[in-house]
N, C-alpha and C. Protein backbone atom coordinates (compact mmCIF):
# COMPACT_ATOMS: atom_id res chain seq x y z
N UNK A 1 126.81 -19.19 94.31
CA UNK A 1 126.14 -20.43 93.95
C UNK A 1 127.16 -21.38 93.30
N UNK A 2 127.15 -22.64 93.73
CA UNK A 2 128.07 -23.63 93.20
C UNK A 2 127.63 -24.05 91.80
N UNK A 3 128.60 -24.38 90.94
CA UNK A 3 128.22 -24.91 89.62
C UNK A 3 127.61 -26.29 89.80
N UNK A 4 126.75 -26.71 88.87
CA UNK A 4 126.17 -28.05 89.00
C UNK A 4 127.24 -29.12 88.86
N UNK A 5 127.01 -30.24 89.53
CA UNK A 5 127.93 -31.37 89.44
C UNK A 5 127.35 -32.45 88.54
N UNK A 6 128.20 -32.99 87.70
CA UNK A 6 127.84 -34.15 86.88
C UNK A 6 127.94 -35.39 87.77
N UNK A 7 126.86 -36.18 87.90
CA UNK A 7 126.92 -37.39 88.73
C UNK A 7 127.47 -38.61 87.99
N UNK A 8 127.94 -38.38 86.77
CA UNK A 8 128.51 -39.47 85.98
C UNK A 8 129.88 -39.08 85.45
N UNK A 9 130.64 -38.41 86.31
CA UNK A 9 131.95 -37.90 85.94
C UNK A 9 132.99 -39.02 85.88
N UNK A 10 134.10 -38.69 85.30
CA UNK A 10 135.24 -39.59 85.23
C UNK A 10 136.25 -39.19 86.31
N UNK A 11 137.01 -40.14 86.83
CA UNK A 11 137.95 -39.81 87.91
C UNK A 11 139.04 -38.83 87.49
N UNK A 12 139.36 -38.77 86.22
CA UNK A 12 140.42 -37.88 85.76
C UNK A 12 139.96 -36.44 85.53
N UNK A 13 138.68 -36.17 85.64
CA UNK A 13 138.18 -34.81 85.43
C UNK A 13 138.61 -33.91 86.58
N UNK A 14 138.82 -32.64 86.27
CA UNK A 14 139.16 -31.65 87.30
C UNK A 14 138.04 -31.57 88.34
N UNK A 15 138.44 -31.61 89.59
CA UNK A 15 137.47 -31.48 90.68
C UNK A 15 136.68 -32.74 90.96
N UNK A 16 137.06 -33.87 90.37
CA UNK A 16 136.34 -35.13 90.54
C UNK A 16 136.49 -35.66 91.96
N UNK A 17 135.40 -36.24 92.47
CA UNK A 17 135.43 -36.87 93.79
C UNK A 17 134.44 -38.03 93.81
N UNK A 18 134.65 -38.95 94.72
CA UNK A 18 133.79 -40.13 94.87
C UNK A 18 132.60 -39.76 95.75
N UNK A 19 131.39 -40.13 95.29
CA UNK A 19 130.20 -39.93 96.12
C UNK A 19 129.38 -41.20 96.28
N UNK A 20 129.81 -42.29 95.60
CA UNK A 20 129.11 -43.55 95.73
C UNK A 20 130.00 -44.73 95.39
N UNK A 21 129.56 -45.90 95.82
CA UNK A 21 130.29 -47.14 95.57
C UNK A 21 129.34 -48.09 94.82
N UNK A 22 129.86 -48.73 93.79
CA UNK A 22 129.06 -49.69 93.03
C UNK A 22 128.77 -50.90 93.89
N UNK A 23 127.52 -51.31 93.87
CA UNK A 23 127.08 -52.49 94.63
C UNK A 23 126.10 -53.26 93.74
N UNK A 24 125.43 -54.21 94.30
CA UNK A 24 124.49 -55.01 93.52
C UNK A 24 125.22 -56.05 92.70
N UNK A 25 124.65 -56.37 91.55
CA UNK A 25 125.22 -57.37 90.66
C UNK A 25 125.42 -56.75 89.28
N UNK A 26 126.06 -57.50 88.39
CA UNK A 26 126.23 -57.03 87.01
C UNK A 26 124.86 -56.84 86.38
N UNK A 27 123.94 -57.76 86.66
CA UNK A 27 122.59 -57.69 86.08
C UNK A 27 121.75 -56.58 86.72
N UNK A 28 121.95 -56.34 88.01
CA UNK A 28 121.20 -55.31 88.72
C UNK A 28 122.14 -54.47 89.56
N UNK A 29 122.90 -53.58 88.90
CA UNK A 29 123.82 -52.73 89.67
C UNK A 29 123.04 -51.74 90.54
N UNK A 30 123.62 -51.42 91.68
CA UNK A 30 123.06 -50.41 92.58
C UNK A 30 124.22 -49.64 93.18
N UNK A 31 124.02 -48.37 93.32
CA UNK A 31 125.04 -47.52 93.93
C UNK A 31 124.70 -47.33 95.39
N UNK A 32 125.68 -47.52 96.24
CA UNK A 32 125.55 -47.19 97.66
C UNK A 32 126.13 -45.80 97.81
N UNK A 33 125.30 -44.86 98.17
CA UNK A 33 125.74 -43.47 98.30
C UNK A 33 126.46 -43.27 99.62
N UNK A 34 127.53 -42.50 99.57
CA UNK A 34 128.35 -42.25 100.75
C UNK A 34 127.82 -41.07 101.55
N UNK A 35 128.15 -41.02 102.83
CA UNK A 35 127.78 -39.89 103.68
C UNK A 35 128.74 -38.72 103.52
N UNK A 36 129.94 -39.02 103.03
CA UNK A 36 130.95 -37.99 102.79
C UNK A 36 131.73 -38.38 101.54
N UNK A 37 132.08 -37.41 100.75
CA UNK A 37 132.84 -37.68 99.54
C UNK A 37 134.32 -37.85 99.88
N UNK A 38 135.07 -38.40 98.93
CA UNK A 38 136.52 -38.46 99.10
C UNK A 38 137.19 -38.43 97.74
N UNK A 39 138.44 -38.01 97.75
CA UNK A 39 139.25 -37.96 96.54
C UNK A 39 139.96 -39.29 96.36
N UNK A 40 140.37 -39.56 95.16
CA UNK A 40 141.13 -40.77 94.88
C UNK A 40 142.59 -40.53 95.22
N UNK A 41 143.09 -41.35 96.10
CA UNK A 41 144.50 -41.28 96.50
C UNK A 41 145.22 -42.52 95.96
N UNK A 42 146.51 -42.54 96.10
CA UNK A 42 147.28 -43.71 95.68
C UNK A 42 146.85 -44.94 96.47
N UNK A 43 146.53 -44.78 97.75
CA UNK A 43 146.06 -45.92 98.56
C UNK A 43 144.77 -46.51 97.99
N UNK A 44 143.86 -45.65 97.59
CA UNK A 44 142.59 -46.12 97.01
C UNK A 44 142.86 -46.82 95.69
N UNK A 45 143.74 -46.27 94.88
CA UNK A 45 144.10 -46.90 93.61
C UNK A 45 144.67 -48.31 93.83
N UNK A 46 145.48 -48.46 94.85
CA UNK A 46 146.06 -49.77 95.15
C UNK A 46 144.99 -50.76 95.59
N UNK A 47 144.01 -50.29 96.34
CA UNK A 47 142.92 -51.16 96.79
C UNK A 47 142.09 -51.69 95.61
N UNK A 48 142.00 -50.91 94.56
CA UNK A 48 141.18 -51.29 93.41
C UNK A 48 142.01 -51.79 92.24
N UNK A 49 143.27 -52.10 92.50
CA UNK A 49 144.16 -52.56 91.43
C UNK A 49 143.56 -53.78 90.73
N UNK A 50 143.60 -53.75 89.42
CA UNK A 50 143.05 -54.84 88.63
C UNK A 50 141.68 -54.54 88.04
N UNK A 51 141.02 -53.52 88.54
CA UNK A 51 139.73 -53.09 87.97
C UNK A 51 139.76 -51.58 87.77
N UNK A 52 138.93 -51.12 86.89
CA UNK A 52 138.84 -49.67 86.65
C UNK A 52 138.15 -49.01 87.85
N UNK A 53 138.63 -47.84 88.20
CA UNK A 53 138.00 -47.08 89.30
C UNK A 53 136.51 -46.87 89.05
N UNK A 54 136.14 -46.69 87.78
CA UNK A 54 134.75 -46.42 87.42
C UNK A 54 133.86 -47.66 87.50
N UNK A 55 134.45 -48.83 87.70
CA UNK A 55 133.66 -50.04 87.95
C UNK A 55 133.32 -50.16 89.43
N UNK A 56 134.05 -49.44 90.26
CA UNK A 56 133.91 -49.54 91.71
C UNK A 56 133.22 -48.32 92.30
N UNK A 57 133.52 -47.14 91.78
CA UNK A 57 133.04 -45.89 92.36
C UNK A 57 132.20 -45.08 91.38
N UNK A 58 131.31 -44.25 91.93
CA UNK A 58 130.63 -43.21 91.15
C UNK A 58 131.30 -41.90 91.50
N UNK A 59 131.61 -41.15 90.48
CA UNK A 59 132.29 -39.87 90.63
C UNK A 59 131.38 -38.73 90.24
N UNK A 60 131.61 -37.61 90.88
CA UNK A 60 130.96 -36.36 90.50
C UNK A 60 132.08 -35.34 90.28
N UNK A 61 131.79 -34.39 89.44
CA UNK A 61 132.74 -33.30 89.16
C UNK A 61 131.92 -32.13 88.62
N UNK A 62 132.47 -30.93 88.67
CA UNK A 62 131.75 -29.81 88.08
C UNK A 62 131.38 -30.10 86.63
N UNK A 63 130.14 -29.86 86.28
CA UNK A 63 129.65 -30.06 84.92
C UNK A 63 130.41 -29.12 83.99
N UNK A 64 130.85 -29.65 82.86
CA UNK A 64 131.60 -28.84 81.89
C UNK A 64 130.70 -28.34 80.77
N UNK A 65 129.40 -28.57 80.92
CA UNK A 65 128.41 -28.06 79.96
C UNK A 65 128.74 -28.46 78.53
N UNK A 66 128.82 -27.51 77.63
CA UNK A 66 128.95 -27.80 76.20
C UNK A 66 130.27 -28.47 75.82
N UNK A 67 131.23 -28.55 76.72
CA UNK A 67 132.48 -29.26 76.44
C UNK A 67 132.23 -30.78 76.45
N UNK A 68 131.21 -31.21 77.15
CA UNK A 68 130.88 -32.63 77.29
C UNK A 68 130.14 -33.13 76.05
N UNK A 69 130.49 -34.34 75.62
CA UNK A 69 129.82 -34.94 74.47
C UNK A 69 128.36 -35.27 74.73
N UNK A 70 127.95 -35.34 76.01
CA UNK A 70 126.57 -35.65 76.37
C UNK A 70 125.69 -34.40 76.47
N UNK A 71 126.27 -33.22 76.34
CA UNK A 71 125.54 -31.96 76.56
C UNK A 71 125.14 -31.36 75.21
N UNK A 72 123.85 -31.21 75.00
CA UNK A 72 123.32 -30.62 73.75
C UNK A 72 122.14 -29.73 74.07
N UNK A 73 122.05 -28.64 73.37
CA UNK A 73 120.89 -27.76 73.51
C UNK A 73 120.67 -27.26 74.93
N UNK A 74 121.76 -27.03 75.66
CA UNK A 74 121.65 -26.51 77.02
C UNK A 74 121.23 -27.54 78.06
N UNK A 75 121.31 -28.84 77.71
CA UNK A 75 120.88 -29.88 78.66
C UNK A 75 121.77 -31.10 78.56
N UNK A 76 121.75 -31.89 79.62
CA UNK A 76 122.49 -33.15 79.66
C UNK A 76 121.61 -34.23 79.03
N UNK A 77 122.03 -34.72 77.88
CA UNK A 77 121.24 -35.74 77.19
C UNK A 77 121.32 -37.09 77.90
N UNK A 78 122.40 -37.33 78.64
CA UNK A 78 122.50 -38.57 79.41
C UNK A 78 121.44 -38.59 80.50
N UNK A 79 121.25 -37.48 81.18
CA UNK A 79 120.21 -37.40 82.21
C UNK A 79 118.83 -37.61 81.59
N UNK A 80 118.60 -36.97 80.46
CA UNK A 80 117.29 -37.09 79.80
C UNK A 80 117.03 -38.53 79.37
N UNK A 81 118.01 -39.18 78.73
CA UNK A 81 117.83 -40.57 78.28
C UNK A 81 117.67 -41.52 79.46
N UNK A 82 118.38 -41.26 80.54
CA UNK A 82 118.25 -42.09 81.74
C UNK A 82 116.81 -42.06 82.25
N UNK A 83 116.23 -40.88 82.31
CA UNK A 83 114.86 -40.74 82.79
C UNK A 83 113.85 -41.32 81.80
N UNK A 84 114.10 -41.11 80.52
CA UNK A 84 113.16 -41.59 79.51
C UNK A 84 113.19 -43.10 79.33
N UNK A 85 114.37 -43.72 79.48
CA UNK A 85 114.51 -45.12 79.09
C UNK A 85 114.68 -46.13 80.23
N UNK A 86 115.22 -45.69 81.35
CA UNK A 86 115.42 -46.63 82.46
C UNK A 86 114.22 -46.62 83.41
N UNK A 87 113.90 -47.77 83.98
CA UNK A 87 112.83 -47.80 84.97
C UNK A 87 113.32 -47.23 86.30
N UNK A 88 112.40 -46.75 87.08
CA UNK A 88 112.74 -46.33 88.45
C UNK A 88 113.11 -47.58 89.24
N UNK A 89 114.13 -47.46 90.09
CA UNK A 89 114.56 -48.61 90.90
C UNK A 89 114.39 -48.35 92.40
N UNK A 90 114.01 -47.14 92.76
CA UNK A 90 113.69 -46.81 94.15
C UNK A 90 112.42 -45.97 94.14
N UNK A 91 111.69 -46.01 95.24
CA UNK A 91 110.42 -45.28 95.33
C UNK A 91 110.54 -43.98 96.11
N UNK A 92 111.67 -43.79 96.78
CA UNK A 92 111.88 -42.54 97.51
C UNK A 92 113.29 -42.04 97.20
N UNK A 93 113.50 -40.77 97.45
CA UNK A 93 114.79 -40.17 97.13
C UNK A 93 115.90 -40.80 97.97
N UNK A 94 116.95 -41.29 97.32
CA UNK A 94 118.08 -41.83 98.08
C UNK A 94 118.81 -40.70 98.81
N UNK A 95 119.46 -41.05 99.91
CA UNK A 95 120.30 -40.07 100.59
C UNK A 95 121.53 -39.84 99.71
N UNK A 96 121.61 -38.68 99.10
CA UNK A 96 122.69 -38.39 98.15
C UNK A 96 123.28 -37.03 98.48
N UNK A 97 124.57 -37.02 98.73
CA UNK A 97 125.20 -35.78 99.17
C UNK A 97 125.36 -34.74 98.07
N UNK A 98 125.23 -35.14 96.79
CA UNK A 98 125.39 -34.13 95.73
C UNK A 98 124.06 -33.57 95.22
N UNK A 99 122.93 -34.07 95.70
CA UNK A 99 121.65 -33.61 95.17
C UNK A 99 121.51 -32.08 95.11
N UNK A 100 121.97 -31.34 96.12
CA UNK A 100 121.80 -29.88 96.04
C UNK A 100 122.51 -29.23 94.86
N UNK A 101 123.52 -29.90 94.31
CA UNK A 101 124.24 -29.33 93.17
C UNK A 101 124.26 -30.27 91.96
N UNK A 102 123.42 -31.29 91.95
CA UNK A 102 123.43 -32.30 90.89
C UNK A 102 122.77 -31.78 89.60
N UNK A 103 123.49 -31.87 88.49
CA UNK A 103 122.96 -31.48 87.18
C UNK A 103 121.72 -32.29 86.84
N UNK A 104 121.76 -33.60 87.08
CA UNK A 104 120.62 -34.44 86.73
C UNK A 104 119.39 -34.06 87.53
N UNK A 105 119.55 -33.82 88.83
CA UNK A 105 118.41 -33.43 89.66
C UNK A 105 117.90 -32.05 89.25
N UNK A 106 118.82 -31.14 89.00
CA UNK A 106 118.44 -29.79 88.57
C UNK A 106 117.62 -29.85 87.28
N UNK A 107 118.01 -30.72 86.38
CA UNK A 107 117.37 -30.80 85.06
C UNK A 107 116.13 -31.69 85.05
N UNK A 108 116.19 -32.85 85.69
CA UNK A 108 115.12 -33.85 85.57
C UNK A 108 114.33 -34.08 86.85
N UNK A 109 114.76 -33.48 87.95
CA UNK A 109 114.04 -33.60 89.21
C UNK A 109 114.11 -34.99 89.81
N UNK A 110 113.09 -35.33 90.59
CA UNK A 110 113.04 -36.60 91.33
C UNK A 110 113.16 -37.80 90.41
N UNK A 111 112.66 -37.69 89.18
CA UNK A 111 112.72 -38.82 88.25
C UNK A 111 114.15 -39.30 88.05
N UNK A 112 115.10 -38.39 88.01
CA UNK A 112 116.51 -38.78 87.85
C UNK A 112 116.99 -39.53 89.09
N UNK A 113 116.61 -39.08 90.25
CA UNK A 113 117.04 -39.71 91.51
C UNK A 113 116.48 -41.13 91.65
N UNK A 114 115.28 -41.36 91.13
CA UNK A 114 114.67 -42.68 91.22
C UNK A 114 115.39 -43.71 90.32
N UNK A 115 116.16 -43.22 89.36
CA UNK A 115 116.87 -44.09 88.42
C UNK A 115 118.37 -44.14 88.65
N UNK A 116 118.89 -43.11 89.26
CA UNK A 116 120.33 -42.94 89.46
C UNK A 116 121.02 -44.12 90.14
N UNK A 117 120.43 -44.79 91.14
CA UNK A 117 121.14 -45.87 91.82
C UNK A 117 121.56 -47.03 90.92
N UNK A 118 120.99 -47.14 89.73
CA UNK A 118 121.37 -48.24 88.84
C UNK A 118 122.46 -47.85 87.84
N UNK A 119 122.90 -46.61 87.90
CA UNK A 119 123.90 -46.13 86.95
C UNK A 119 125.29 -46.34 87.53
N UNK A 120 126.06 -47.19 86.87
CA UNK A 120 127.46 -47.41 87.20
C UNK A 120 128.23 -46.96 85.97
N UNK A 121 129.21 -46.09 86.17
CA UNK A 121 129.89 -45.46 85.04
C UNK A 121 130.42 -46.47 84.03
N UNK A 122 131.17 -47.44 84.48
CA UNK A 122 131.66 -48.50 83.59
C UNK A 122 131.23 -49.82 84.18
N UNK A 123 130.44 -50.55 83.43
CA UNK A 123 130.05 -51.86 83.90
C UNK A 123 130.25 -52.87 82.78
N UNK A 124 130.52 -54.06 83.18
CA UNK A 124 130.79 -55.13 82.22
C UNK A 124 129.48 -55.76 81.78
N UNK A 125 128.79 -55.07 80.88
CA UNK A 125 127.53 -55.58 80.38
C UNK A 125 127.40 -55.25 78.90
N UNK A 126 126.63 -56.04 78.21
CA UNK A 126 126.34 -55.77 76.81
C UNK A 126 124.86 -55.44 76.66
N UNK A 127 124.25 -54.96 77.72
CA UNK A 127 122.83 -54.63 77.70
C UNK A 127 122.58 -53.55 76.65
N UNK A 128 121.80 -53.85 75.61
CA UNK A 128 121.57 -52.88 74.54
C UNK A 128 120.94 -51.57 75.02
N UNK A 129 120.08 -51.65 76.04
CA UNK A 129 119.45 -50.45 76.57
C UNK A 129 120.49 -49.53 77.20
N UNK A 130 121.38 -50.08 78.03
CA UNK A 130 122.41 -49.25 78.67
C UNK A 130 123.39 -48.68 77.64
N UNK A 131 123.67 -49.45 76.62
CA UNK A 131 124.53 -48.94 75.55
C UNK A 131 123.85 -47.78 74.84
N UNK A 132 122.57 -47.90 74.56
CA UNK A 132 121.82 -46.83 73.90
C UNK A 132 121.77 -45.57 74.75
N UNK A 133 121.59 -45.73 76.04
CA UNK A 133 121.48 -44.59 76.93
C UNK A 133 122.81 -43.84 77.00
N UNK A 134 123.91 -44.56 77.07
CA UNK A 134 125.21 -43.93 77.27
C UNK A 134 125.89 -43.47 75.98
N UNK A 135 125.37 -43.88 74.83
CA UNK A 135 125.96 -43.43 73.58
C UNK A 135 125.57 -41.98 73.34
N UNK A 136 126.57 -41.09 73.21
CA UNK A 136 126.27 -39.67 73.01
C UNK A 136 125.50 -39.44 71.71
N UNK A 137 124.67 -38.42 71.67
CA UNK A 137 123.94 -38.12 70.44
C UNK A 137 124.90 -37.66 69.33
N UNK A 138 124.52 -37.84 68.08
CA UNK A 138 125.39 -37.41 66.97
C UNK A 138 125.54 -35.90 66.92
């Protein structure tokens, strides 16, 4: 059995790969999920020069569990806050290649998938709700 994947990973994490591309607007971000994942190469870095990779791509990587600042009490608090605080932005499950191993789906079910398309790892916003959701618990 594969370890669960964090759908909000950083590109520098071990085993990190791209599974989505940021789309939409700053006010209404949406992730376009890819049919196949890919690793970040020097060519990709050059294409995105001038912006952070996390503003353009969504990354997944093996969940590091309690090593992560978002993981408490055996659960991902980021996934829980996303489901509790963000509205659903889709009515059906998006085509997502990591769902079979996704930590958020494993923990929160369909509710996480209905909200996931609006999650962009780094976005240029001062939205207090998004700041609250992404701030790790004390």
